[in-house]
N, C-alpha and C. Protein backbone atom coordinates (compact mmCIF):
# COMPACT_ATOMS: atom_id res chain seq x y z
N MET A 1 90.60 92.20 101.05
CA MET A 1 90.12 92.99 100.10
C MET A 1 88.84 92.31 99.63
N SER A 2 86.99 92.86 99.92
CA SER A 2 86.17 92.63 99.41
C SER A 2 86.02 93.66 98.18
N THR A 3 85.18 93.09 97.43
CA THR A 3 84.80 93.76 96.32
C THR A 3 83.18 94.16 96.11
N PRO A 4 83.04 95.44 96.26
CA PRO A 4 82.03 96.07 96.55
C PRO A 4 80.54 95.66 95.28
N ALA A 5 79.36 96.16 95.03
CA ALA A 5 78.68 95.76 94.27
C ALA A 5 78.58 96.54 93.15
N PRO A 6 77.97 96.80 91.52
CA PRO A 6 78.45 97.42 90.94
C PRO A 6 78.07 98.80 91.27
N ASP A 7 79.02 99.97 91.35
CA ASP A 7 78.39 101.40 91.29
C ASP A 7 78.13 101.77 93.02
N THR A 8 79.06 100.86 93.63
CA THR A 8 78.91 101.04 94.96
C THR A 8 80.71 101.70 95.07
N PRO A 9 80.61 102.49 95.89
CA PRO A 9 81.81 102.84 96.59
C PRO A 9 82.60 101.77 97.66
N GLN A 10 83.77 101.37 97.18
CA GLN A 10 84.68 100.71 97.59
C GLN A 10 85.04 101.04 98.79
N GLN A 11 85.38 100.35 99.65
CA GLN A 11 85.44 100.34 100.66
C GLN A 11 85.96 99.18 101.66
N TRP A 12 87.15 99.25 102.68
CA TRP A 12 87.58 98.06 103.61
C TRP A 12 87.75 98.61 104.96
N THR A 13 87.54 97.35 105.58
CA THR A 13 87.01 97.94 107.05
C THR A 13 88.46 96.92 107.73
N ARG A 14 89.27 97.43 108.53
CA ARG A 14 90.17 96.78 108.81
C ARG A 14 90.04 97.13 111.22
N ASP A 15 89.75 96.63 111.77
CA ASP A 15 89.70 96.52 113.37
C ASP A 15 88.61 97.53 113.15
N ARG A 16 88.99 98.86 113.93
CA ARG A 16 88.06 99.98 114.00
C ARG A 16 88.24 100.69 112.81
N PHE A 17 88.67 100.71 112.01
CA PHE A 17 89.05 101.79 110.84
C PHE A 17 88.34 101.61 109.14
N LEU A 18 88.34 102.39 108.80
CA LEU A 18 87.59 102.05 107.57
C LEU A 18 88.68 103.15 106.37
N VAL A 19 88.93 102.72 105.61
CA VAL A 19 88.82 103.22 103.82
C VAL A 19 87.85 103.29 102.96
N SER A 20 87.47 104.20 102.93
CA SER A 20 86.55 104.33 101.76
C SER A 20 86.91 105.17 100.43
N ALA A 21 86.25 104.80 99.42
CA ALA A 21 86.50 105.97 97.95
C ALA A 21 85.19 106.52 97.99
N ASP A 22 84.23 106.54 98.79
CA ASP A 22 83.00 107.07 98.52
C ASP A 22 83.30 108.64 99.22
N PRO A 23 83.29 109.70 97.52
CA PRO A 23 83.44 111.09 97.65
C PRO A 23 82.43 111.91 98.68
N SER A 24 81.21 111.44 98.84
CA SER A 24 80.36 112.03 99.89
C SER A 24 80.81 111.87 101.22
N ARG A 25 82.03 110.90 101.54
CA ARG A 25 82.39 110.94 102.98
C ARG A 25 83.46 111.55 103.14
N LEU A 26 84.06 112.26 102.41
CA LEU A 26 85.30 112.86 102.43
C LEU A 26 84.91 114.08 103.65
N ASP A 27 85.11 114.97 104.73
CA ASP A 27 85.38 116.06 104.75
C ASP A 27 85.93 117.08 104.60
N ALA A 28 85.83 117.86 103.80
CA ALA A 28 86.87 118.90 103.19
C ALA A 28 87.06 119.97 104.12
N LYS A 29 86.79 119.97 105.45
CA LYS A 29 87.05 121.04 106.17
C LYS A 29 88.31 120.13 106.91
N ALA A 30 88.09 118.66 107.06
CA ALA A 30 89.06 117.94 108.14
C ALA A 30 90.33 118.15 107.19
N VAL A 31 90.35 118.00 105.99
CA VAL A 31 91.06 118.03 104.89
C VAL A 31 91.91 119.12 104.52
N HIS A 32 91.39 120.15 104.98
CA HIS A 32 92.02 121.74 104.65
C HIS A 32 92.41 122.07 106.04
N ALA A 33 92.05 121.40 106.94
CA ALA A 33 92.78 121.40 108.54
C ALA A 33 94.28 121.05 108.15
N PHE A 34 94.00 120.17 107.65
CA PHE A 34 95.66 118.96 107.76
C PHE A 34 96.15 119.68 106.71
N LEU A 35 96.23 119.97 105.34
CA LEU A 35 96.70 120.79 104.68
C LEU A 35 97.02 122.06 104.72
N ALA A 36 96.54 122.63 104.74
CA ALA A 36 96.87 124.18 105.14
C ALA A 36 97.93 124.31 106.35
N SER A 37 98.13 123.48 106.95
CA SER A 37 99.37 123.36 107.75
C SER A 37 100.60 122.13 107.14
N SER A 38 100.40 121.74 106.29
CA SER A 38 101.37 120.45 105.61
C SER A 38 102.36 121.30 104.72
N TYR A 39 104.00 120.78 104.96
CA TYR A 39 104.95 121.33 104.12
C TYR A 39 104.38 121.86 102.62
N TRP A 40 103.66 120.84 102.01
CA TRP A 40 103.84 121.28 101.05
C TRP A 40 102.05 122.02 100.21
N ALA A 41 101.35 122.24 101.15
CA ALA A 41 100.30 122.76 100.91
C ALA A 41 99.82 124.15 101.59
N THR A 42 101.05 124.57 102.34
CA THR A 42 100.99 125.63 103.51
C THR A 42 99.80 126.47 102.81
N GLY A 43 99.12 126.87 103.69
CA GLY A 43 97.63 128.16 103.42
C GLY A 43 96.78 127.74 102.31
N ILE A 44 96.91 126.49 101.62
CA ILE A 44 95.72 126.39 100.68
C ILE A 44 94.24 126.60 101.34
N PRO A 45 93.54 127.70 100.74
CA PRO A 45 92.29 128.14 100.71
C PRO A 45 91.45 126.48 100.85
N LEU A 46 90.46 126.32 101.80
CA LEU A 46 89.14 125.78 101.86
C LEU A 46 88.91 125.68 100.21
N SER A 47 88.35 126.48 99.85
CA SER A 47 87.65 126.69 98.22
C SER A 47 88.62 125.65 97.67
N VAL A 48 90.12 125.86 97.33
CA VAL A 48 91.12 125.35 96.23
C VAL A 48 90.74 123.72 96.50
N VAL A 49 90.87 123.20 98.34
CA VAL A 49 90.87 122.36 98.56
C VAL A 49 89.36 121.00 98.26
N GLU A 50 88.10 122.12 98.57
CA GLU A 50 87.01 121.47 98.08
C GLU A 50 87.24 121.21 96.30
N ARG A 51 87.46 121.80 95.71
CA ARG A 51 87.67 121.80 93.97
C ARG A 51 88.50 121.03 93.73
N ALA A 52 89.70 120.65 94.45
CA ALA A 52 90.60 119.36 94.47
C ALA A 52 89.58 117.90 94.66
N LEU A 53 88.95 117.66 95.70
CA LEU A 53 88.70 116.93 96.24
C LEU A 53 87.28 116.50 94.96
N ARG A 54 86.21 117.38 94.23
CA ARG A 54 85.46 117.02 93.30
C ARG A 54 86.05 116.65 92.21
N HIS A 55 87.60 117.47 92.01
CA HIS A 55 88.22 116.29 90.74
C HIS A 55 88.86 115.56 90.63
N SER A 56 88.83 115.34 91.66
CA SER A 56 90.35 114.04 91.89
C SER A 56 89.18 112.57 92.47
N LEU A 57 90.14 111.16 92.09
CA LEU A 57 89.71 110.25 92.77
C LEU A 57 90.53 109.92 94.23
N SER A 58 89.77 110.12 95.59
CA SER A 58 90.60 109.95 96.40
C SER A 58 89.82 109.10 97.52
N VAL A 59 90.73 108.49 98.57
CA VAL A 59 90.26 107.61 99.20
C VAL A 59 90.46 108.58 101.19
N GLY A 60 89.71 108.15 101.59
CA GLY A 60 89.60 108.78 103.02
C GLY A 60 89.80 107.36 103.80
N LEU A 61 90.57 107.99 105.25
CA LEU A 61 90.64 107.13 106.24
C LEU A 61 89.54 107.56 107.42
N TYR A 62 89.26 106.50 108.21
CA TYR A 62 87.94 107.40 109.12
C TYR A 62 88.11 105.98 110.39
N ASP A 63 88.12 106.70 111.96
CA ASP A 63 88.13 105.94 112.65
C ASP A 63 86.73 105.64 113.09
N THR A 64 85.99 104.52 113.04
CA THR A 64 84.82 104.40 113.16
C THR A 64 84.24 104.47 114.50
N ALA A 65 85.20 104.23 115.93
CA ALA A 65 85.14 104.64 116.64
C ALA A 65 85.16 105.65 117.40
N GLU A 66 85.37 106.74 117.20
CA GLU A 66 85.43 108.35 117.09
C GLU A 66 84.40 108.80 116.21
N PRO A 67 83.33 108.73 116.89
CA PRO A 67 82.22 109.63 115.62
C PRO A 67 82.55 111.52 115.69
N ASN A 68 83.62 112.24 116.77
CA ASN A 68 83.69 113.20 116.78
C ASN A 68 85.29 113.62 116.08
N VAL A 69 85.48 112.42 115.56
CA VAL A 69 86.62 112.46 114.43
C VAL A 69 86.57 112.37 112.85
N PRO A 70 85.75 113.30 112.10
CA PRO A 70 85.21 112.79 110.80
C PRO A 70 86.33 112.28 109.74
N GLN A 71 87.40 112.43 109.59
CA GLN A 71 88.52 111.98 108.89
C GLN A 71 89.72 112.07 109.46
N ILE A 72 90.35 111.08 109.23
CA ILE A 72 91.84 110.53 109.67
C ILE A 72 93.03 110.83 109.10
N GLY A 73 92.91 110.63 107.68
CA GLY A 73 93.48 110.86 106.68
C GLY A 73 93.02 110.61 105.12
N LEU A 74 94.04 110.34 104.23
CA LEU A 74 93.48 111.12 102.98
C LEU A 74 94.41 110.34 101.88
N ALA A 75 94.59 110.04 100.96
CA ALA A 75 94.99 109.48 99.30
C ALA A 75 93.94 110.17 98.27
N ARG A 76 94.32 111.17 97.79
CA ARG A 76 94.39 111.76 96.85
C ARG A 76 94.82 111.48 95.29
N VAL A 77 94.39 111.57 94.13
CA VAL A 77 94.59 110.32 92.91
C VAL A 77 94.34 111.64 91.88
N VAL A 78 94.82 112.57 90.94
CA VAL A 78 94.58 113.13 90.06
C VAL A 78 94.66 112.06 88.87
N THR A 79 93.67 111.91 87.77
CA THR A 79 93.76 110.95 86.88
C THR A 79 93.13 110.79 85.85
N ASP A 80 93.46 110.63 84.61
CA ASP A 80 92.26 110.29 83.64
C ASP A 80 91.80 108.50 83.83
N ARG A 81 92.45 107.89 84.29
CA ARG A 81 91.82 106.43 84.39
C ARG A 81 91.92 105.84 83.60
N ALA A 82 92.86 106.56 82.82
CA ALA A 82 93.09 105.53 81.79
C ALA A 82 94.90 105.49 81.33
N THR A 83 95.54 106.34 81.39
CA THR A 83 97.09 106.12 81.30
C THR A 83 97.81 106.46 82.31
N PHE A 84 97.35 107.61 83.01
CA PHE A 84 98.14 108.39 84.08
C PHE A 84 97.79 108.77 85.02
N ALA A 85 98.20 108.56 86.51
CA ALA A 85 98.17 109.07 87.53
C ALA A 85 99.06 110.24 88.30
N TYR A 86 98.69 110.70 89.49
CA TYR A 86 99.10 111.42 90.07
C TYR A 86 99.20 111.51 91.54
N LEU A 87 99.58 110.76 92.28
CA LEU A 87 99.32 110.58 93.72
C LEU A 87 99.53 111.87 94.64
N CYS A 88 99.33 112.35 95.48
CA CYS A 88 99.34 113.69 96.30
C CYS A 88 98.05 113.72 97.48
N ASP A 89 98.73 114.52 97.84
CA ASP A 89 97.66 114.97 99.38
C ASP A 89 97.99 113.80 101.03
N VAL A 90 98.60 112.79 100.25
CA VAL A 90 98.55 111.63 101.47
C VAL A 90 98.91 112.14 102.60
N TYR A 91 98.09 111.43 103.96
CA TYR A 91 98.20 111.91 105.29
C TYR A 91 97.44 110.73 106.06
N VAL A 92 97.97 110.88 107.37
CA VAL A 92 97.59 109.81 108.63
C VAL A 92 97.87 111.09 109.35
N LEU A 93 96.96 111.19 110.27
CA LEU A 93 96.85 112.12 111.17
C LEU A 93 98.05 111.82 112.30
N PRO A 94 98.62 112.42 112.84
CA PRO A 94 99.52 112.54 113.67
C PRO A 94 99.31 111.52 115.07
N GLY A 95 98.31 111.71 115.16
CA GLY A 95 97.61 110.34 116.78
C GLY A 95 97.74 109.23 116.24
N TYR A 96 97.58 108.88 115.00
CA TYR A 96 97.34 107.43 113.81
C TYR A 96 98.28 107.03 113.66
N ARG A 97 98.87 107.35 113.61
CA ARG A 97 101.03 106.98 113.04
C ARG A 97 101.54 106.00 113.47
N GLY A 98 102.15 105.14 112.84
CA GLY A 98 102.86 103.94 113.74
C GLY A 98 101.90 102.69 113.17
N ARG A 99 100.79 103.05 113.15
CA ARG A 99 99.73 101.44 112.93
C ARG A 99 99.80 100.96 111.69
N GLY A 100 100.45 101.45 110.83
CA GLY A 100 100.31 100.76 109.34
C GLY A 100 98.84 101.02 108.97
N LEU A 101 98.40 102.17 108.99
CA LEU A 101 97.35 102.71 108.47
C LEU A 101 97.41 103.46 107.02
N GLY A 102 98.46 104.18 106.80
CA GLY A 102 98.99 104.73 105.76
C GLY A 102 99.17 103.80 104.81
N ARG A 103 99.97 102.92 105.45
CA ARG A 103 100.64 101.37 104.36
C ARG A 103 99.54 100.79 103.51
N TRP A 104 98.18 100.68 104.51
CA TRP A 104 97.08 100.23 104.34
C TRP A 104 95.87 100.89 103.63
N MET A 105 95.78 101.84 103.78
CA MET A 105 95.00 103.19 103.23
C MET A 105 96.20 103.23 101.60
N MET A 106 96.75 103.06 101.23
CA MET A 106 97.31 103.19 100.07
C MET A 106 97.51 101.69 99.41
N ASP A 107 97.56 100.69 99.98
CA ASP A 107 97.28 99.30 99.51
C ASP A 107 95.94 99.55 98.62
N CYS A 108 94.27 100.16 99.71
CA CYS A 108 93.50 100.16 99.20
C CYS A 108 93.28 100.97 98.04
N CYS A 109 94.18 102.47 98.10
CA CYS A 109 94.01 103.15 97.30
C CYS A 109 94.26 102.37 95.72
N LEU A 110 95.72 101.79 96.01
CA LEU A 110 96.19 101.34 94.46
C LEU A 110 95.49 99.99 94.46
N ALA A 111 94.34 99.78 94.65
CA ALA A 111 93.37 98.27 94.56
C ALA A 111 92.23 99.01 93.65
N LEU A 112 92.26 100.19 93.57
CA LEU A 112 90.29 101.03 92.96
C LEU A 112 90.72 100.49 91.48
N PRO A 113 89.66 99.69 91.37
CA PRO A 113 89.59 99.46 89.04
C PRO A 113 89.82 100.39 88.65
N ASP A 114 89.94 101.80 88.91
CA ASP A 114 90.18 103.29 87.87
C ASP A 114 91.50 103.27 87.83
N LEU A 115 92.13 102.60 88.60
CA LEU A 115 93.90 102.91 88.76
C LEU A 115 94.85 101.30 88.51
N GLN A 116 93.81 100.70 87.61
CA GLN A 116 94.49 99.47 87.15
C GLN A 116 94.96 100.03 85.70
N GLY A 117 96.00 99.12 85.18
CA GLY A 117 96.67 99.41 83.69
C GLY A 117 97.03 100.97 83.13
N LEU A 118 97.22 101.46 84.47
CA LEU A 118 98.25 102.61 83.90
C LEU A 118 99.62 102.32 83.45
N ARG A 119 100.18 103.44 82.59
CA ARG A 119 101.13 103.57 82.17
C ARG A 119 102.30 104.42 83.42
N ARG A 120 101.43 105.39 83.36
CA ARG A 120 102.44 105.68 84.60
C ARG A 120 101.56 106.62 85.88
N PHE A 121 102.38 106.43 86.90
CA PHE A 121 101.65 106.14 88.37
C PHE A 121 102.97 107.21 88.80
N ASN A 122 102.86 108.63 89.22
CA ASN A 122 104.06 109.81 89.60
C ASN A 122 103.71 110.34 91.20
N LEU A 123 104.44 110.88 92.03
CA LEU A 123 104.05 111.13 92.92
C LEU A 123 105.47 111.84 93.36
N VAL A 124 105.57 112.99 94.54
CA VAL A 124 106.32 113.50 94.89
C VAL A 124 106.18 113.63 96.20
N THR A 125 107.28 113.15 97.03
CA THR A 125 107.69 113.74 98.52
C THR A 125 108.88 113.43 98.78
N ARG A 126 108.54 114.36 99.53
CA ARG A 126 110.07 114.93 100.85
C ARG A 126 110.85 113.62 101.50
N ASP A 127 109.65 113.03 102.08
CA ASP A 127 109.98 112.25 103.39
C ASP A 127 109.57 111.22 103.55
N ALA A 128 108.80 110.27 102.52
CA ALA A 128 107.85 109.44 102.90
C ALA A 128 108.35 108.19 101.50
N HIS A 129 109.78 107.91 100.78
CA HIS A 129 110.20 107.55 100.10
C HIS A 129 109.72 105.76 100.65
N THR A 130 110.28 105.42 102.23
CA THR A 130 109.97 104.34 102.31
C THR A 130 108.94 103.60 102.30
N LEU A 131 107.38 104.29 102.35
CA LEU A 131 106.14 104.26 102.47
C LEU A 131 106.20 103.73 100.84
N TYR A 132 106.47 104.37 99.89
CA TYR A 132 106.14 104.17 98.67
C TYR A 132 107.12 102.95 97.92
N ALA A 133 108.20 103.49 98.84
CA ALA A 133 108.99 101.96 97.31
C ALA A 133 108.54 100.60 97.92
N PRO A 134 108.22 100.34 98.81
CA PRO A 134 107.99 99.10 98.53
C PRO A 134 106.03 98.41 97.78
N LEU A 135 105.40 99.80 97.58
CA LEU A 135 104.32 99.85 96.48
C LEU A 135 104.91 99.45 95.26
N GLY A 136 106.19 99.86 95.04
CA GLY A 136 106.93 99.95 93.31
C GLY A 136 106.93 101.15 92.90
N PHE A 137 106.75 102.38 93.56
CA PHE A 137 107.19 103.34 93.58
C PHE A 137 108.98 103.60 93.44
N ARG A 138 109.38 104.21 92.25
CA ARG A 138 110.65 104.61 92.89
C ARG A 138 111.38 105.82 92.20
N ALA A 139 112.20 106.31 92.21
CA ALA A 139 112.67 107.70 91.50
C ALA A 139 112.98 107.65 90.01
N ILE A 140 112.53 108.94 89.48
CA ILE A 140 112.48 108.94 88.12
C ILE A 140 113.82 108.30 87.48
N ALA A 141 113.49 107.64 86.38
CA ALA A 141 114.39 106.92 85.58
C ALA A 141 115.22 108.33 84.56
N HIS A 142 114.73 109.04 84.66
CA HIS A 142 115.27 110.14 83.49
C HIS A 142 114.68 111.87 83.72
N PRO A 143 115.51 112.25 84.97
CA PRO A 143 114.93 113.37 85.77
C PRO A 143 115.15 114.70 84.73
N ASP A 144 115.88 114.32 83.81
CA ASP A 144 116.47 115.10 82.75
C ASP A 144 114.91 115.14 81.95
N ARG A 145 113.82 114.66 81.78
CA ARG A 145 113.15 114.80 81.10
C ARG A 145 111.68 115.29 81.38
N TYR A 146 111.85 115.42 82.61
CA TYR A 146 111.03 116.40 83.60
C TYR A 146 110.67 117.62 83.61
N MET A 147 109.61 118.24 83.61
CA MET A 147 110.12 119.70 83.90
C MET A 147 108.24 120.01 84.70
N GLU A 148 108.28 121.25 85.57
CA GLU A 148 107.39 121.73 86.06
C GLU A 148 107.30 123.28 85.74
N LYS A 149 106.46 123.46 85.94
CA LYS A 149 105.72 125.04 86.09
C LYS A 149 105.51 125.30 87.85
N LEU A 150 106.10 125.82 88.20
CA LEU A 150 105.66 125.66 89.88
C LEU A 150 105.72 127.38 89.97
N ASP A 151 104.95 127.56 91.29
CA ASP A 151 104.14 128.75 91.83
C ASP A 151 104.53 128.56 93.27
N PRO A 152 105.20 128.27 94.00
CA PRO A 152 105.00 128.27 95.47
C PRO A 152 104.44 129.13 96.12
N ASP A 153 104.08 130.22 95.62
CA ASP A 153 103.55 131.46 96.18
C ASP A 153 102.17 131.98 96.19
N VAL A 154 101.21 130.60 95.27
CA VAL A 154 100.04 131.20 94.57
C VAL A 154 98.57 130.92 96.03
N TYR A 155 99.25 130.28 97.15
CA TYR A 155 98.32 130.36 97.94
C TYR A 155 98.19 131.46 98.43
N LYS A 156 99.36 132.09 98.87
CA LYS A 156 99.72 133.39 99.62
C LYS A 156 99.07 134.52 98.94
N ARG A 157 99.09 134.16 97.35
CA ARG A 157 98.26 135.60 96.75
C ARG A 157 96.73 135.38 96.31
N THR A 158 96.46 133.76 96.66
CA THR A 158 95.32 133.75 96.67
C THR A 158 94.42 134.32 98.08
N THR A 159 94.76 134.15 98.86
CA THR A 159 94.58 134.20 100.23
C THR A 159 94.72 135.95 100.96
N SER A 160 95.10 136.39 100.09
CA SER A 160 95.60 138.08 100.38
C SER A 160 95.01 138.70 99.46
N ALA A 161 94.30 138.44 98.25
CA ALA A 161 93.09 139.14 97.54
C ALA A 161 92.23 139.10 97.70
């Protein structure tokens, strides 16, 4: 992985693929198209996706050989860039899976300077434990200490209002 010039968003290339931390490259409509049908964000409104991307540190995955495919993956991190991060909305489009692109995108994401030296880095996944375990993620040591305020129907109410 090469280091970019100061104030230049980080990016990495591998074959015809690009991982970029440049927020101006993110395609909110493409991200929304995937997330709205995902198990964790079903029905999420486009306006919520746009706001989430604006206020997060994200890397996008792109197929540079396919100009009509704007974005093929994402890893979004909610963070204070000092002590804590929460990894979410990680995906690679189905037609691109099985090539190691998700692992590569995660390696690039975790290499971002703003994500170094954090005390805690959390994520929630239903089925991707094998992707995250080699990257150092483990089950929560003390789940009895964690609490959440969950509103699983928030997007249904938002879109019907």
